[in-house]
Amino acid sequence: MPELKKPHWLKSRGRFTPDTMGLPALFKKRRIKTVCEAAACPNRLECYGNKTATFLICGSVCTRHCTFCNIGFETPGPLDPDEPSRIAETVADLHLKYTVITSVTRDDLEDGGAGHFAETVKAIRRLNPDTKIEVLIPDFQGKTGPLDTICKATPFLIAHNVETVPRLYTRVRPEADYRRSLVLLERVKERDPAVMTKSGIMLGLGETTEEVQRVFSDLRDSHCDCLTIGQYLPPSKDHFPVKEYITPGMFNFYREQALETGFSRVASAPLVRSSYNAGEFFGRES
């Protein structure tokens, strides 16, 4: 199958400026990892220009091998106990009012890294009591203990991405489980009905419109509040191939469909990613 030509609407925004150059240098100095670089996000220059980033904790290699993801698949090393404090100091230096913490999947750890998430939330809150904190978490293999740890840390928003439609899981997310992800989101609301929840889905992997709409319904049945919808872009020729480039008009259609399904907030556009403009879109008061 010939490689699809990338359409003009997928041109990423942002350019190198003194500000965008400064953030990677700061992250390197503090030994901080970001998903912006690890996942080769197309929006990273724009976000760096806005003095924001999504922090990646628990290492830089993953215990799962999802075929869409740019993060390396290896045996991870031990957790860095100083990482939470370094991130908290960086949040303070950047005067962030909203910050996103995510991680690689750590199936090798009993708690899946949940304790490290909680320590990072606490460290940020000690230095930045007014900063809203979003955590984008893995599924913790369906274990309830790690999820309890996350909820007790009381982040502003708990996110977990389903990524694609269930039919494609065996090829795109072979070690994940669609129903398990829905249950996780539902359990968050059972523990704290007030906390906001969010999920995300990529398009262009070969899904149908009916399958996407079914995902919307499944997420709302799990009481998920917010949704991000973006175009899948393979990081390399070795990753799962893109099957289709979804038009901006179709993204608008999906946004309206998702809102009609009951989501309170929906970001839907080709370059939308799960944490893109999170502070502006999800951080403002309802």
C-alpha atoms as a PDB file:
ATOM      1  CA  MET A   1       0.000   0.000   0.000  1.00  0.00           C
ATOM      2  CA  PRO A   2       1.545   3.360  -1.016  1.00  0.00           C
ATOM      3  CA  GLU A   3       2.316   5.861   1.750  1.00  0.00           C
ATOM      4  CA  LEU A   4      -0.388   8.500   2.172  1.00  0.00           C
ATOM      5  CA  LYS A   5       0.608  12.085   1.496  1.00  0.00           C
ATOM      6  CA  LYS A   6       0.202  14.291   4.544  1.00  0.00           C
ATOM      7  CA  PRO A   7      -2.405  17.029   3.877  1.00  0.00           C
ATOM      8  CA  HIS A   8      -1.733  20.733   4.352  1.00  0.00           C
ATOM      9  CA  TRP A   9      -3.906  21.018   7.472  1.00  0.00           C
ATOM     10  CA  LEU A  10      -1.454  18.847   9.411  1.00  0.00           C
ATOM     11  CA  LYS A  11       1.298  21.435   9.327  1.00  0.00           C
ATOM     12  CA  SER A  12       2.314  21.936  12.951  1.00  0.00           C
ATOM     13  CA  ARG A  13       2.319  25.371  14.491  1.00  0.00           C
ATOM     14  CA  GLY A  14       5.196  26.961  16.383  1.00  0.00           C
ATOM     15  CA  ARG A  15       8.792  27.759  15.583  1.00  0.00           C
ATOM     16  CA  PHE A  16      12.121  27.898  17.332  1.00  0.00           C
ATOM     17  CA  THR A  17      12.509  31.073  19.386  1.00  0.00           C
ATOM     18  CA  PRO A  18      14.638  31.927  22.434  1.00  0.00           C
ATOM     19  CA  ASP A  19      11.689  30.737  24.577  1.00  0.00           C
ATOM     20  CA  THR A  20      11.261  27.421  22.796  1.00  0.00           C
ATOM     21  CA  MET A  21      15.018  26.824  22.922  1.00  0.00           C
ATOM     22  CA  GLY A  22      15.107  27.672  26.630  1.00  0.00           C
ATOM     23  CA  LEU A  23      12.670  25.062  27.859  1.00  0.00           C
ATOM     24  CA  PRO A  24      14.489  21.976  26.563  1.00  0.00           C
ATOM     25  CA  ALA A  25      17.677  23.352  28.129  1.00  0.00           C
ATOM     26  CA  LEU A  26      15.907  23.791  31.461  1.00  0.00           C
ATOM     27  CA  PHE A  27      14.481  20.266  31.285  1.00  0.00           C
ATOM     28  CA  LYS A  28      17.912  18.850  30.517  1.00  0.00           C
ATOM     29  CA  LYS A  29      19.487  20.750  33.400  1.00  0.00           C
ATOM     30  CA  ARG A  30      16.853  19.442  35.810  1.00  0.00           C
ATOM     31  CA  ARG A  31      16.975  15.920  34.324  1.00  0.00           C
ATOM     32  CA  ILE A  32      13.274  16.110  33.545  1.00  0.00           C
ATOM     33  CA  LYS A  33      11.595  14.162  30.773  1.00  0.00           C
ATOM     34  CA  THR A  34       8.585  15.355  28.802  1.00  0.00           C
ATOM     35  CA  VAL A  35       6.153  13.371  26.714  1.00  0.00           C
ATOM     36  CA  CYS A  36       6.452  16.219  24.205  1.00  0.00           C
ATOM     37  CA  GLU A  37       9.874  14.944  23.157  1.00  0.00           C
ATOM     38  CA  ALA A  38       9.436  11.263  23.971  1.00  0.00           C
ATOM     39  CA  ALA A  39       6.299  10.960  21.831  1.00  0.00           C
ATOM     40  CA  ALA A  40       7.533  13.382  19.132  1.00  0.00           C
ATOM     41  CA  CYS A  41       4.431  15.548  19.592  1.00  0.00           C
ATOM     42  CA  PRO A  42       3.783  17.838  16.599  1.00  0.00           C
ATOM     43  CA  ASN A  43       2.692  20.667  18.918  1.00  0.00           C
ATOM     44  CA  ARG A  44       5.775  20.813  21.102  1.00  0.00           C
ATOM     45  CA  LEU A  45       7.193  24.034  19.663  1.00  0.00           C
ATOM     46  CA  GLU A  46       3.868  25.793  20.131  1.00  0.00           C
ATOM     47  CA  CYS A  47       3.602  24.534  23.707  1.00  0.00           C
ATOM     48  CA  TYR A  48       7.200  25.452  24.490  1.00  0.00           C
ATOM     49  CA  GLY A  49       6.491  28.940  23.180  1.00  0.00           C
ATOM     50  CA  ASN A  50       3.606  29.122  25.677  1.00  0.00           C
ATOM     51  CA  LYS A  51       5.929  27.980  28.493  1.00  0.00           C
ATOM     52  CA  THR A  52       4.165  24.677  29.035  1.00  0.00           C
ATOM     53  CA  ALA A  53       4.871  20.962  28.684  1.00  0.00           C
ATOM     54  CA  THR A  54       3.600  17.572  29.821  1.00  0.00           C
ATOM     55  CA  PHE A  55       5.990  15.978  32.299  1.00  0.00           C
ATOM     56  CA  LEU A  56       6.849  12.282  31.886  1.00  0.00           C
ATOM     57  CA  ILE A  57       7.628  10.392  35.083  1.00  0.00           C
ATOM     58  CA  CYS A  58       8.684   6.851  36.038  1.00  0.00           C
ATOM     59  CA  GLY A  59      11.422   6.676  33.406  1.00  0.00           C
ATOM     60  CA  SER A  60      11.562   6.938  29.643  1.00  0.00           C
ATOM     61  CA  VAL A  61      11.006   3.335  28.531  1.00  0.00           C
ATOM     62  CA  CYS A  62       7.784   1.341  28.701  1.00  0.00           C
ATOM     63  CA  THR A  63       6.909  -2.219  29.638  1.00  0.00           C
ATOM     64  CA  ARG A  64       4.303  -2.375  26.870  1.00  0.00           C
ATOM     65  CA  HIS A  65       4.747  -2.324  23.127  1.00  0.00           C
ATOM     66  CA  CYS A  66       1.879  -0.343  21.613  1.00  0.00           C
ATOM     67  CA  THR A  67       2.401  -0.131  17.859  1.00  0.00           C
ATOM     68  CA  PHE A  68       1.379   3.548  17.620  1.00  0.00           C
ATOM     69  CA  CYS A  69       3.722   4.915  20.292  1.00  0.00           C
ATOM     70  CA  ASN A  70       7.202   6.432  19.952  1.00  0.00           C
ATOM     71  CA  ILE A  71       8.280   5.679  23.528  1.00  0.00           C
ATOM     72  CA  GLY A  72      10.856   2.897  23.767  1.00  0.00           C
ATOM     73  CA  PHE A  73       9.949  -0.637  24.831  1.00  0.00           C
ATOM     74  CA  GLU A  74      12.525  -2.093  27.228  1.00  0.00           C
ATOM     75  CA  THR A  75      13.019  -3.205  30.819  1.00  0.00           C
ATOM     76  CA  PRO A  76      12.820   0.017  32.874  1.00  0.00           C
ATOM     77  CA  GLY A  77      15.223   1.000  35.619  1.00  0.00           C
ATOM     78  CA  PRO A  78      14.395   1.973  39.211  1.00  0.00           C
ATOM     79  CA  LEU A  79      12.296   5.044  39.990  1.00  0.00           C
ATOM     80  CA  ASP A  80      14.116   8.308  40.685  1.00  0.00           C
ATOM     81  CA  PRO A  81      13.108   9.456  44.203  1.00  0.00           C
ATOM     82  CA  ASP A  82      14.168  13.053  43.487  1.00  0.00           C
ATOM     83  CA  GLU A  83      12.077  13.361  40.329  1.00  0.00           C
ATOM     84  CA  PRO A  84       8.934  14.739  42.046  1.00  0.00           C
ATOM     85  CA  SER A  85      10.837  17.599  43.702  1.00  0.00           C
ATOM     86  CA  ARG A  86      12.638  18.521  40.475  1.00  0.00           C
ATOM     87  CA  ILE A  87       9.342  18.697  38.616  1.00  0.00           C
ATOM     88  CA  ALA A  88       7.792  20.795  41.398  1.00  0.00           C
ATOM     89  CA  GLU A  89      10.697  23.248  41.205  1.00  0.00           C
ATOM     90  CA  THR A  90      10.327  23.488  37.441  1.00  0.00           C
ATOM     91  CA  VAL A  91       6.582  24.162  37.744  1.00  0.00           C
ATOM     92  CA  ALA A  92       7.459  26.980  40.161  1.00  0.00           C
ATOM     93  CA  ASP A  93      10.145  28.392  37.853  1.00  0.00           C
ATOM     94  CA  LEU A  94       7.710  28.485  34.938  1.00  0.00           C
ATOM     95  CA  HIS A  95       4.864  29.898  37.071  1.00  0.00           C
ATOM     96  CA  LEU A  96       2.511  27.259  35.705  1.00  0.00           C
ATOM     97  CA  LYS A  97      -1.129  27.580  36.726  1.00  0.00           C
ATOM     98  CA  TYR A  98      -1.932  24.203  35.188  1.00  0.00           C
ATOM     99  CA  THR A  99       0.358  21.240  34.717  1.00  0.00           C
ATOM    100  CA  VAL A 100       0.010  17.723  33.313  1.00  0.00           C
ATOM    101  CA  ILE A 101       1.828  14.677  34.685  1.00  0.00           C
ATOM    102  CA  THR A 102       1.917  11.410  32.770  1.00  0.00           C
ATOM    103  CA  SER A 103       4.101   8.316  32.794  1.00  0.00           C
ATOM    104  CA  VAL A 104       5.278   5.343  30.870  1.00  0.00           C
ATOM    105  CA  THR A 105       3.467   2.113  31.756  1.00  0.00           C
ATOM    106  CA  ARG A 106       5.291   0.303  34.568  1.00  0.00           C
ATOM    107  CA  ASP A 107       3.801  -3.168  34.755  1.00  0.00           C
ATOM    108  CA  ASP A 108       7.008  -4.255  36.510  1.00  0.00           C
ATOM    109  CA  LEU A 109       6.036  -2.290  39.648  1.00  0.00           C
ATOM    110  CA  GLU A 110       3.485  -3.621  42.127  1.00  0.00           C
ATOM    111  CA  ASP A 111       1.626  -0.293  42.153  1.00  0.00           C
ATOM    112  CA  GLY A 112       2.335   0.542  38.507  1.00  0.00           C
ATOM    113  CA  GLY A 113       4.008   3.787  39.593  1.00  0.00           C
ATOM    114  CA  ALA A 114       0.903   5.153  41.348  1.00  0.00           C
ATOM    115  CA  GLY A 115       2.871   6.069  44.457  1.00  0.00           C
ATOM    116  CA  HIS A 116       5.320   8.046  42.342  1.00  0.00           C
ATOM    117  CA  PHE A 117       2.399   9.900  40.750  1.00  0.00           C
ATOM    118  CA  ALA A 118       1.072  10.738  44.228  1.00  0.00           C
ATOM    119  CA  GLU A 119       4.468  11.970  45.430  1.00  0.00           C
ATOM    120  CA  THR A 120       4.768  14.193  42.347  1.00  0.00           C
ATOM    121  CA  VAL A 121       1.315  15.679  42.938  1.00  0.00           C
ATOM    122  CA  LYS A 122       2.197  16.359  46.590  1.00  0.00           C
ATOM    123  CA  ALA A 123       5.552  17.918  45.700  1.00  0.00           C
ATOM    124  CA  ILE A 124       3.982  20.244  43.138  1.00  0.00           C
ATOM    125  CA  ARG A 125       1.262  21.256  45.584  1.00  0.00           C
ATOM    126  CA  ARG A 126       3.769  22.081  48.344  1.00  0.00           C
ATOM    127  CA  LEU A 127       5.578  24.612  46.156  1.00  0.00           C
ATOM    128  CA  ASN A 128       2.647  25.617  43.957  1.00  0.00           C
ATOM    129  CA  PRO A 129      -0.571  25.456  46.008  1.00  0.00           C
ATOM    130  CA  ASP A 130      -2.627  27.275  43.357  1.00  0.00           C
ATOM    131  CA  THR A 131      -1.516  25.129  40.412  1.00  0.00           C
ATOM    132  CA  LYS A 132      -4.133  22.753  39.028  1.00  0.00           C
ATOM    133  CA  ILE A 133      -2.727  19.303  38.402  1.00  0.00           C
ATOM    134  CA  GLU A 134      -3.905  16.876  35.740  1.00  0.00           C
ATOM    135  CA  VAL A 135      -2.642  13.290  35.767  1.00  0.00           C
ATOM    136  CA  LEU A 136      -2.762  11.113  32.664  1.00  0.00           C
ATOM    137  CA  ILE A 137      -2.487   7.584  34.038  1.00  0.00           C
ATOM    138  CA  PRO A 138      -2.025   4.039  32.707  1.00  0.00           C
ATOM    139  CA  ASP A 139      -4.563   1.309  33.478  1.00  0.00           C
ATOM    140  CA  PHE A 140      -2.526  -0.251  36.340  1.00  0.00           C
ATOM    141  CA  GLN A 141      -3.557  -3.677  34.959  1.00  0.00           C
ATOM    142  CA  GLY A 142      -6.994  -3.119  36.476  1.00  0.00           C
ATOM    143  CA  LYS A 143      -5.703  -3.106  40.082  1.00  0.00           C
ATOM    144  CA  THR A 144      -7.825  -1.045  42.452  1.00  0.00           C
ATOM    145  CA  GLY A 145      -5.084  -0.218  44.983  1.00  0.00           C
ATOM    146  CA  PRO A 146      -3.039   1.991  42.628  1.00  0.00           C
ATOM    147  CA  LEU A 147      -6.157   3.816  41.511  1.00  0.00           C
ATOM    148  CA  ASP A 148      -7.043   4.480  45.166  1.00  0.00           C
ATOM    149  CA  THR A 149      -3.566   5.985  45.598  1.00  0.00           C
ATOM    150  CA  ILE A 150      -4.140   8.317  42.643  1.00  0.00           C
ATOM    151  CA  CYS A 151      -7.565   9.409  43.866  1.00  0.00           C
ATOM    152  CA  LYS A 152      -6.322  10.065  47.418  1.00  0.00           C
ATOM    153  CA  ALA A 153      -3.742  12.482  45.995  1.00  0.00           C
ATOM    154  CA  THR A 154      -6.745  14.556  44.764  1.00  0.00           C
ATOM    155  CA  PRO A 155      -5.513  15.868  41.414  1.00  0.00           C
ATOM    156  CA  PHE A 156      -7.802  18.353  39.671  1.00  0.00           C
ATOM    157  CA  LEU A 157      -8.381  16.001  36.725  1.00  0.00           C
ATOM    158  CA  ILE A 158      -7.698  12.305  36.112  1.00  0.00           C
ATOM    159  CA  ALA A 159      -7.235  11.288  32.476  1.00  0.00           C
ATOM    160  CA  HIS A 160      -6.876   7.892  30.866  1.00  0.00           C
ATOM    161  CA  ASN A 161      -6.927   7.399  27.101  1.00  0.00           C
ATOM    162  CA  VAL A 162      -8.764   4.599  25.324  1.00  0.00           C
ATOM    163  CA  GLU A 163      -6.753   5.607  22.211  1.00  0.00           C
ATOM    164  CA  THR A 164      -8.756   3.714  19.575  1.00  0.00           C
ATOM    165  CA  VAL A 165     -11.853   1.612  18.950  1.00  0.00           C
ATOM    166  CA  PRO A 166     -12.009  -1.858  20.565  1.00  0.00           C
ATOM    167  CA  ARG A 167     -11.754  -3.761  17.243  1.00  0.00           C
ATOM    168  CA  LEU A 168      -8.245  -2.386  16.695  1.00  0.00           C
ATOM    169  CA  TYR A 169      -6.830  -3.103  20.152  1.00  0.00           C
ATOM    170  CA  THR A 170      -5.150  -6.389  19.228  1.00  0.00           C
ATOM    171  CA  ARG A 171      -3.092  -4.611  16.551  1.00  0.00           C
ATOM    172  CA  VAL A 172      -2.631  -1.189  18.138  1.00  0.00           C
ATOM    173  CA  ARG A 173      -2.686  -1.816  21.913  1.00  0.00           C
ATOM    174  CA  PRO A 174      -2.110  -5.580  22.257  1.00  0.00           C
ATOM    175  CA  GLU A 175      -1.386  -5.497  26.010  1.00  0.00           C
ATOM    176  CA  ALA A 176      -4.253  -3.167  26.903  1.00  0.00           C
ATOM    177  CA  ASP A 177      -7.947  -3.909  27.313  1.00  0.00           C
ATOM    178  CA  TYR A 178     -10.724  -1.571  26.192  1.00  0.00           C
ATOM    179  CA  ARG A 179     -13.227  -2.654  28.841  1.00  0.00           C
ATOM    180  CA  ARG A 180     -10.581  -2.339  31.572  1.00  0.00           C
ATOM    181  CA  SER A 181      -9.990   1.272  30.571  1.00  0.00           C
ATOM    182  CA  LEU A 182     -13.705   2.043  30.767  1.00  0.00           C
ATOM    183  CA  VAL A 183     -13.924   0.438  34.201  1.00  0.00           C
ATOM    184  CA  LEU A 184     -10.991   2.543  35.415  1.00  0.00           C
ATOM    185  CA  LEU A 185     -12.744   5.770  34.426  1.00  0.00           C
ATOM    186  CA  GLU A 186     -15.948   4.588  36.078  1.00  0.00           C
ATOM    187  CA  ARG A 187     -14.121   3.692  39.288  1.00  0.00           C
ATOM    188  CA  VAL A 188     -12.607   7.171  39.503  1.00  0.00           C
ATOM    189  CA  LYS A 189     -16.097   8.645  39.631  1.00  0.00           C
ATOM    190  CA  GLU A 190     -17.203   6.053  42.205  1.00  0.00           C
ATOM    191  CA  ARG A 191     -14.373   7.169  44.487  1.00  0.00           C
ATOM    192  CA  ASP A 192     -14.815  10.908  43.945  1.00  0.00           C
ATOM    193  CA  PRO A 193     -17.790  12.097  41.871  1.00  0.00           C
ATOM    194  CA  ALA A 194     -16.436  15.665  41.954  1.00  0.00           C
ATOM    195  CA  VAL A 195     -13.139  14.958  40.180  1.00  0.00           C
ATOM    196  CA  MET A 196     -13.080  15.651  36.443  1.00  0.00           C
ATOM    197  CA  THR A 197     -12.211  12.764  34.125  1.00  0.00           C
ATOM    198  CA  LYS A 198     -10.959  12.811  30.560  1.00  0.00           C
ATOM    199  CA  SER A 199     -10.118  10.363  27.790  1.00  0.00           C
ATOM    200  CA  GLY A 200      -8.723  10.589  24.279  1.00  0.00           C
ATOM    201  CA  ILE A 201      -8.998   8.800  20.949  1.00  0.00           C
ATOM    202  CA  MET A 202      -6.884   8.890  17.780  1.00  0.00           C
ATOM    203  CA  LEU A 203      -8.475   8.747  14.340  1.00  0.00           C
ATOM    204  CA  GLY A 204      -7.096   7.454  11.062  1.00  0.00           C
ATOM    205  CA  LEU A 205      -6.231   3.931  12.186  1.00  0.00           C
ATOM    206  CA  GLY A 206      -8.984   2.288  10.154  1.00  0.00           C
ATOM    207  CA  GLU A 207     -11.952   2.862  12.451  1.00  0.00           C
ATOM    208  CA  THR A 208     -15.474   3.522  11.167  1.00  0.00           C
ATOM    209  CA  THR A 209     -17.733   6.431  12.099  1.00  0.00           C
ATOM    210  CA  GLU A 210     -20.101   4.041  13.861  1.00  0.00           C
ATOM    211  CA  GLU A 211     -17.251   2.605  15.930  1.00  0.00           C
ATOM    212  CA  VAL A 212     -16.097   6.078  16.982  1.00  0.00           C
ATOM    213  CA  GLN A 213     -19.613   7.056  18.012  1.00  0.00           C
ATOM    214  CA  ARG A 214     -19.876   3.852  20.023  1.00  0.00           C
ATOM    215  CA  VAL A 215     -16.698   4.812  21.899  1.00  0.00           C
ATOM    216  CA  PHE A 216     -18.312   8.166  22.736  1.00  0.00           C
ATOM    217  CA  SER A 217     -21.314   6.355  24.196  1.00  0.00           C
ATOM    218  CA  ASP A 218     -19.161   3.871  26.122  1.00  0.00           C
ATOM    219  CA  LEU A 219     -17.107   6.681  27.666  1.00  0.00           C
ATOM    220  CA  ARG A 220     -20.189   8.612  28.701  1.00  0.00           C
ATOM    221  CA  ASP A 221     -21.660   5.433  30.202  1.00  0.00           C
ATOM    222  CA  SER A 222     -18.466   5.397  32.316  1.00  0.00           C
ATOM    223  CA  HIS A 223     -19.202   9.001  33.360  1.00  0.00           C
ATOM    224  CA  CYS A 224     -16.212  10.454  31.503  1.00  0.00           C
ATOM    225  CA  ASP A 225     -16.506  14.265  31.447  1.00  0.00           C
ATOM    226  CA  CYS A 226     -14.052  15.441  28.780  1.00  0.00           C
ATOM    227  CA  LEU A 227     -12.746  14.117  25.477  1.00  0.00           C
ATOM    228  CA  THR A 228      -9.889  14.824  23.079  1.00  0.00           C
ATOM    229  CA  ILE A 229      -9.974  13.652  19.452  1.00  0.00           C
ATOM    230  CA  GLY A 230      -6.934  13.931  17.192  1.00  0.00           C
ATOM    231  CA  GLN A 231      -5.321  12.552  14.048  1.00  0.00           C
ATOM    232  CA  TYR A 232      -2.986   9.580  14.401  1.00  0.00           C
ATOM    233  CA  LEU A 233       0.462  10.303  12.972  1.00  0.00           C
ATOM    234  CA  PRO A 234       2.865   7.341  12.891  1.00  0.00           C
ATOM    235  CA  PRO A 235       6.241   8.268  14.429  1.00  0.00           C
ATOM    236  CA  SER A 236       8.091   6.168  11.845  1.00  0.00           C
ATOM    237  CA  LYS A 237       7.609   3.634   9.046  1.00  0.00           C
ATOM    238  CA  ASP A 238       8.052   0.884  11.629  1.00  0.00           C
ATOM    239  CA  HIS A 239       4.933   1.914  13.547  1.00  0.00           C
ATOM    240  CA  PHE A 240       1.306   1.105  12.784  1.00  0.00           C
ATOM    241  CA  PRO A 241       0.534   2.749   9.421  1.00  0.00           C
ATOM    242  CA  VAL A 242      -1.948   5.589   9.117  1.00  0.00           C
ATOM    243  CA  LYS A 243      -4.955   4.439   7.096  1.00  0.00           C
ATOM    244  CA  GLU A 244      -6.647   7.788   6.531  1.00  0.00           C
ATOM    245  CA  TYR A 245      -6.204  11.510   7.150  1.00  0.00           C
ATOM    246  CA  ILE A 246      -9.424  12.782   8.666  1.00  0.00           C
ATOM    247  CA  THR A 247     -10.547  16.192   7.367  1.00  0.00           C
ATOM    248  CA  PRO A 248     -11.059  19.194   9.683  1.00  0.00           C
ATOM    249  CA  GLY A 249     -14.742  19.124   8.736  1.00  0.00           C
ATOM    250  CA  MET A 250     -15.037  15.562   9.986  1.00  0.00           C
ATOM    251  CA  PHE A 251     -13.318  16.521  13.239  1.00  0.00           C
ATOM    252  CA  ASN A 252     -15.948  19.239  13.666  1.00  0.00           C
ATOM    253  CA  PHE A 253     -18.634  16.627  13.042  1.00  0.00           C
ATOM    254  CA  TYR A 254     -17.165  14.353  15.721  1.00  0.00           C
ATOM    255  CA  ARG A 255     -16.957  17.273  18.148  1.00  0.00           C
ATOM    256  CA  GLU A 256     -20.666  17.969  17.735  1.00  0.00           C
ATOM    257  CA  GLN A 257     -21.479  14.279  18.062  1.00  0.00           C
ATOM    258  CA  ALA A 258     -19.442  14.018  21.275  1.00  0.00           C
ATOM    259  CA  LEU A 259     -21.110  17.087  22.778  1.00  0.00           C
ATOM    260  CA  GLU A 260     -24.526  15.664  21.927  1.00  0.00           C
ATOM    261  CA  THR A 261     -23.501  12.445  23.664  1.00  0.00           C
ATOM    262  CA  GLY A 262     -23.026  14.438  26.856  1.00  0.00           C
ATOM    263  CA  PHE A 263     -19.348  15.379  27.228  1.00  0.00           C
ATOM    264  CA  SER A 264     -18.943  18.737  28.963  1.00  0.00           C
ATOM    265  CA  ARG A 265     -15.814  19.665  26.996  1.00  0.00           C
ATOM    266  CA  VAL A 266     -14.466  18.330  23.725  1.00  0.00           C
ATOM    267  CA  ALA A 267     -11.286  19.218  21.816  1.00  0.00           C
ATOM    268  CA  SER A 268     -11.431  17.785  18.289  1.00  0.00           C
ATOM    269  CA  ALA A 269      -9.003  18.748  15.516  1.00  0.00           C
ATOM    270  CA  PRO A 270      -6.233  17.077  13.521  1.00  0.00           C
ATOM    271  CA  LEU A 271      -3.383  18.248  15.775  1.00  0.00           C
ATOM    272  CA  VAL A 272      -5.200  17.829  19.093  1.00  0.00           C
ATOM    273  CA  ARG A 273      -3.380  15.591  21.555  1.00  0.00           C
ATOM    274  CA  SER A 274      -4.560  14.451  24.969  1.00  0.00           C
ATOM    275  CA  SER A 275      -2.745  17.229  26.836  1.00  0.00           C
ATOM    276  CA  TYR A 276      -2.706  19.924  24.145  1.00  0.00           C
ATOM    277  CA  ASN A 277      -3.697  23.313  25.603  1.00  0.00           C
ATOM    278  CA  ALA A 278      -4.935  21.444  28.663  1.00  0.00           C
ATOM    279  CA  GLY A 279      -4.702  24.460  30.933  1.00  0.00           C
ATOM    280  CA  GLU A 280      -6.729  26.679  28.648  1.00  0.00           C
ATOM    281  CA  PHE A 281      -9.330  24.100  27.718  1.00  0.00           C
ATOM    282  CA  PHE A 282      -9.737  22.035  30.860  1.00  0.00           C
ATOM    283  CA  GLY A 283      -8.286  24.313  33.487  1.00  0.00           C
ATOM    284  CA  ARG A 284     -10.815  27.098  33.310  1.00  0.00           C
ATOM    285  CA  GLU A 285     -13.727  26.991  35.691  1.00  0.00           C
ATOM    286  CA  SER A 286     -17.014  25.504  34.530  1.00  0.00           C
END
